[in-house]
Amino acid sequence: MQIVLRVNGGEAKLIAYILGDEGEMAGFSRTLRASIERIAALKIIFPPLKSQQQIVNVIENIESHIAHLDSFLPTLQSQKQKILKEALT
């Protein structure tokens, strides 16, 4: 069975993050599934909408920085291989 959460207002990205965090604290896993009853037992307090938007902006900014840094990994790995090859020959 698949459960769908429809977000009526608020910031969906923030809600998903908070639910994921609450699920971890509740111990949800592959063996302890997040059933409707377990989800209903969660108590989640959301900040005002303006604060939600600010938080999402910060999260998106951080994700953007991570993606930017991740784009350098292939170049750095090839440079590492080149340096190792030169040092070992």
N, C-alpha and C. Protein backbone atom coordinates (compact mmCIF):
# COMPACT_ATOMS: atom_id res chain seq x y z
N MET A 1 0.84 -1.18 0.00
CA MET A 1 0.00 0.00 0.00
C MET A 1 0.89 1.23 0.00
N GLN A 2 0.52 2.23 -0.78
CA GLN A 2 1.27 3.47 -0.87
C GLN A 2 0.45 4.58 -0.25
N ILE A 3 1.10 5.40 0.56
CA ILE A 3 0.43 6.53 1.19
C ILE A 3 0.93 7.81 0.53
N VAL A 4 0.02 8.72 0.24
CA VAL A 4 0.37 9.98 -0.40
C VAL A 4 0.04 11.10 0.55
N LEU A 5 0.98 11.99 0.75
CA LEU A 5 0.77 13.17 1.58
C LEU A 5 0.59 14.36 0.66
N ARG A 6 -0.55 15.00 0.76
CA ARG A 6 -0.80 16.20 -0.02
C ARG A 6 -0.54 17.40 0.88
N VAL A 7 0.27 18.33 0.37
CA VAL A 7 0.62 19.51 1.15
C VAL A 7 -0.29 20.65 0.72
N ASN A 8 -1.02 21.17 1.69
CA ASN A 8 -1.93 22.29 1.43
C ASN A 8 -1.32 23.53 2.07
N GLY A 9 -0.52 24.24 1.30
CA GLY A 9 0.20 25.38 1.84
C GLY A 9 1.50 24.91 2.46
N GLY A 10 2.29 25.86 2.90
CA GLY A 10 3.57 25.51 3.49
C GLY A 10 4.59 25.16 2.41
N GLU A 11 5.75 24.87 2.83
CA GLU A 11 6.86 24.55 1.94
C GLU A 11 7.06 23.04 1.92
N ALA A 12 6.78 22.43 0.78
CA ALA A 12 6.84 20.96 0.66
C ALA A 12 8.22 20.42 0.99
N LYS A 13 9.28 21.11 0.56
CA LYS A 13 10.64 20.64 0.82
C LYS A 13 10.92 20.60 2.33
N LEU A 14 10.49 21.63 3.03
CA LEU A 14 10.68 21.68 4.48
C LEU A 14 9.87 20.59 5.17
N ILE A 15 8.64 20.41 4.73
CA ILE A 15 7.77 19.39 5.31
C ILE A 15 8.39 18.00 5.11
N ALA A 16 8.91 17.75 3.90
CA ALA A 16 9.55 16.46 3.64
C ALA A 16 10.77 16.27 4.54
N TYR A 17 11.56 17.31 4.72
CA TYR A 17 12.74 17.24 5.58
C TYR A 17 12.34 16.95 7.03
N ILE A 18 11.35 17.69 7.53
CA ILE A 18 10.91 17.50 8.92
C ILE A 18 10.34 16.10 9.11
N LEU A 19 9.53 15.63 8.16
CA LEU A 19 8.97 14.28 8.28
C LEU A 19 10.07 13.21 8.26
N GLY A 20 11.06 13.41 7.40
CA GLY A 20 12.17 12.47 7.36
C GLY A 20 12.93 12.45 8.67
N ASP A 21 13.17 13.63 9.23
CA ASP A 21 13.87 13.74 10.51
C ASP A 21 13.06 13.11 11.64
N GLU A 22 11.77 13.41 11.68
CA GLU A 22 10.90 12.83 12.70
C GLU A 22 10.83 11.30 12.56
N GLY A 23 10.80 10.83 11.31
CA GLY A 23 10.78 9.39 11.07
C GLY A 23 12.03 8.71 11.59
N GLU A 24 13.19 9.37 11.41
CA GLU A 24 14.44 8.81 11.94
C GLU A 24 14.40 8.76 13.45
N MET A 25 13.91 9.85 14.07
CA MET A 25 13.84 9.87 15.54
C MET A 25 12.85 8.83 16.06
N ALA A 26 11.80 8.56 15.27
CA ALA A 26 10.82 7.55 15.67
C ALA A 26 11.33 6.13 15.40
N GLY A 27 12.46 6.04 14.70
CA GLY A 27 13.06 4.74 14.44
C GLY A 27 12.49 4.03 13.22
N PHE A 28 11.83 4.79 12.32
CA PHE A 28 11.30 4.16 11.11
C PHE A 28 12.45 3.59 10.30
N SER A 29 12.25 2.39 9.79
CA SER A 29 13.27 1.73 8.98
C SER A 29 12.56 0.72 8.08
N ARG A 30 13.36 -0.11 7.43
CA ARG A 30 12.75 -1.13 6.57
C ARG A 30 11.98 -2.15 7.40
N THR A 31 12.38 -2.35 8.65
CA THR A 31 11.66 -3.31 9.49
C THR A 31 10.54 -2.64 10.29
N LEU A 32 10.76 -1.39 10.71
CA LEU A 32 9.72 -0.64 11.42
C LEU A 32 9.14 0.38 10.44
N ARG A 33 8.14 -0.05 9.71
CA ARG A 33 7.55 0.77 8.65
C ARG A 33 6.78 1.96 9.23
N ALA A 34 6.69 3.01 8.43
CA ALA A 34 5.96 4.21 8.81
C ALA A 34 4.48 4.02 8.45
N SER A 35 3.77 3.28 9.26
CA SER A 35 2.35 3.03 9.01
C SER A 35 1.54 4.29 9.28
N ILE A 36 0.30 4.27 8.86
CA ILE A 36 -0.59 5.41 9.09
C ILE A 36 -0.70 5.69 10.59
N GLU A 37 -0.81 4.65 11.39
CA GLU A 37 -0.93 4.83 12.84
C GLU A 37 0.34 5.45 13.42
N ARG A 38 1.50 4.99 12.97
CA ARG A 38 2.76 5.53 13.49
C ARG A 38 2.95 6.98 13.05
N ILE A 39 2.58 7.27 11.81
CA ILE A 39 2.69 8.64 11.33
C ILE A 39 1.71 9.54 12.08
N ALA A 40 0.50 9.05 12.32
CA ALA A 40 -0.51 9.83 13.03
C ALA A 40 -0.07 10.16 14.45
N ALA A 41 0.78 9.32 15.03
CA ALA A 41 1.26 9.53 16.40
C ALA A 41 2.34 10.61 16.47
N LEU A 42 2.92 10.99 15.33
CA LEU A 42 3.96 12.03 15.34
C LEU A 42 3.34 13.39 15.65
N LYS A 43 4.03 14.16 16.45
CA LYS A 43 3.62 15.53 16.75
C LYS A 43 4.66 16.46 16.13
N ILE A 44 4.24 17.22 15.14
CA ILE A 44 5.15 18.09 14.43
C ILE A 44 4.62 19.51 14.49
N ILE A 45 5.49 20.42 14.94
CA ILE A 45 5.11 21.83 15.01
C ILE A 45 5.89 22.55 13.91
N PHE A 46 5.16 23.23 13.04
CA PHE A 46 5.78 23.95 11.94
C PHE A 46 5.90 25.42 12.28
N PRO A 47 6.99 26.03 11.85
CA PRO A 47 7.13 27.48 12.05
C PRO A 47 6.17 28.23 11.12
N PRO A 48 6.02 29.53 11.34
CA PRO A 48 5.16 30.32 10.43
C PRO A 48 5.64 30.20 8.99
N LEU A 49 4.72 30.44 8.05
CA LEU A 49 5.02 30.26 6.63
C LEU A 49 6.23 31.08 6.19
N LYS A 50 6.36 32.31 6.65
CA LYS A 50 7.50 33.15 6.27
C LYS A 50 8.81 32.49 6.71
N SER A 51 8.83 31.96 7.92
CA SER A 51 10.03 31.27 8.41
C SER A 51 10.29 30.01 7.60
N GLN A 52 9.23 29.30 7.22
CA GLN A 52 9.40 28.10 6.39
C GLN A 52 10.10 28.46 5.09
N GLN A 53 9.66 29.56 4.47
CA GLN A 53 10.25 29.99 3.20
C GLN A 53 11.72 30.35 3.38
N GLN A 54 12.05 31.01 4.48
CA GLN A 54 13.45 31.37 4.75
C GLN A 54 14.30 30.12 4.95
N ILE A 55 13.77 29.16 5.67
CA ILE A 55 14.50 27.91 5.91
C ILE A 55 14.73 27.17 4.60
N VAL A 56 13.70 27.10 3.76
CA VAL A 56 13.83 26.43 2.47
C VAL A 56 14.87 27.14 1.60
N ASN A 57 14.90 28.46 1.63
CA ASN A 57 15.90 29.20 0.87
C ASN A 57 17.31 28.83 1.32
N VAL A 58 17.52 28.71 2.62
CA VAL A 58 18.83 28.32 3.15
C VAL A 58 19.17 26.89 2.72
N ILE A 59 18.21 25.98 2.83
CA ILE A 59 18.43 24.59 2.42
C ILE A 59 18.79 24.52 0.94
N GLU A 60 18.05 25.24 0.11
CA GLU A 60 18.33 25.23 -1.33
C GLU A 60 19.70 25.83 -1.64
N ASN A 61 20.09 26.85 -0.91
CA ASN A 61 21.41 27.46 -1.08
C ASN A 61 22.50 26.44 -0.74
N ILE A 62 22.33 25.74 0.35
CA ILE A 62 23.31 24.71 0.76
C ILE A 62 23.36 23.59 -0.27
N GLU A 63 22.19 23.14 -0.74
CA GLU A 63 22.16 22.08 -1.77
C GLU A 63 22.85 22.54 -3.05
N SER A 64 22.69 23.80 -3.38
CA SER A 64 23.34 24.35 -4.57
C SER A 64 24.87 24.33 -4.41
N HIS A 65 25.34 24.71 -3.22
CA HIS A 65 26.79 24.67 -2.95
C HIS A 65 27.31 23.23 -3.01
N ILE A 66 26.56 22.30 -2.47
CA ILE A 66 26.97 20.90 -2.50
C ILE A 66 27.07 20.41 -3.94
N ALA A 67 26.07 20.73 -4.76
CA ALA A 67 26.08 20.32 -6.17
C ALA A 67 27.27 20.94 -6.90
N HIS A 68 27.56 22.20 -6.60
CA HIS A 68 28.70 22.88 -7.22
C HIS A 68 30.00 22.18 -6.84
N LEU A 69 30.17 21.87 -5.56
CA LEU A 69 31.39 21.19 -5.12
C LEU A 69 31.47 19.78 -5.69
N ASP A 70 30.33 19.09 -5.77
CA ASP A 70 30.31 17.74 -6.35
C ASP A 70 30.76 17.75 -7.81
N SER A 71 30.51 18.86 -8.51
CA SER A 71 30.91 18.93 -9.91
C SER A 71 32.43 18.93 -10.08
N PHE A 72 33.16 19.26 -9.03
CA PHE A 72 34.62 19.26 -9.07
C PHE A 72 35.21 17.87 -8.83
N LEU A 73 34.45 16.95 -8.27
CA LEU A 73 34.99 15.64 -7.91
C LEU A 73 35.66 14.89 -9.05
N PRO A 74 35.03 14.78 -10.22
CA PRO A 74 35.71 14.04 -11.30
C PRO A 74 37.07 14.64 -11.66
N THR A 75 37.15 15.97 -11.72
CA THR A 75 38.42 16.62 -12.03
C THR A 75 39.46 16.35 -10.95
N LEU A 76 39.04 16.45 -9.71
CA LEU A 76 39.97 16.21 -8.60
C LEU A 76 40.44 14.77 -8.58
N GLN A 77 39.55 13.84 -8.86
CA GLN A 77 39.93 12.44 -8.88
C GLN A 77 40.91 12.15 -10.00
N SER A 78 40.70 12.76 -11.17
CA SER A 78 41.64 12.52 -12.27
C SER A 78 42.99 13.17 -11.97
N GLN A 79 42.98 14.33 -11.32
CA GLN A 79 44.24 14.96 -10.92
C GLN A 79 44.98 14.12 -9.88
N LYS A 80 44.22 13.54 -8.97
CA LYS A 80 44.82 12.67 -7.96
C LYS A 80 45.50 11.48 -8.63
N GLN A 81 44.81 10.86 -9.58
CA GLN A 81 45.38 9.72 -10.30
C GLN A 81 46.64 10.14 -11.05
N LYS A 82 46.60 11.31 -11.66
CA LYS A 82 47.76 11.80 -12.41
C LYS A 82 48.95 12.01 -11.48
N ILE A 83 48.72 12.63 -10.32
CA ILE A 83 49.80 12.87 -9.37
C ILE A 83 50.36 11.55 -8.84
N LEU A 84 49.47 10.61 -8.51
CA LEU A 84 49.92 9.31 -8.02
C LEU A 84 50.74 8.58 -9.09
N LYS A 85 50.29 8.64 -10.32
CA LYS A 85 51.00 7.98 -11.42
C LYS A 85 52.39 8.58 -11.59
N GLU A 86 52.47 9.91 -11.55
CA GLU A 86 53.76 10.57 -11.69
C GLU A 86 54.69 10.26 -10.52
N ALA A 87 54.12 10.18 -9.32
CA ALA A 87 54.93 9.92 -8.12
C ALA A 87 55.42 8.48 -8.10
N LEU A 88 54.67 7.57 -8.66
CA LEU A 88 55.03 6.15 -8.61
C LEU A 88 55.85 5.69 -9.81
N THR A 89 56.05 6.56 -10.78
CA THR A 89 56.85 6.16 -11.94
C THR A 89 58.20 6.81 -11.93
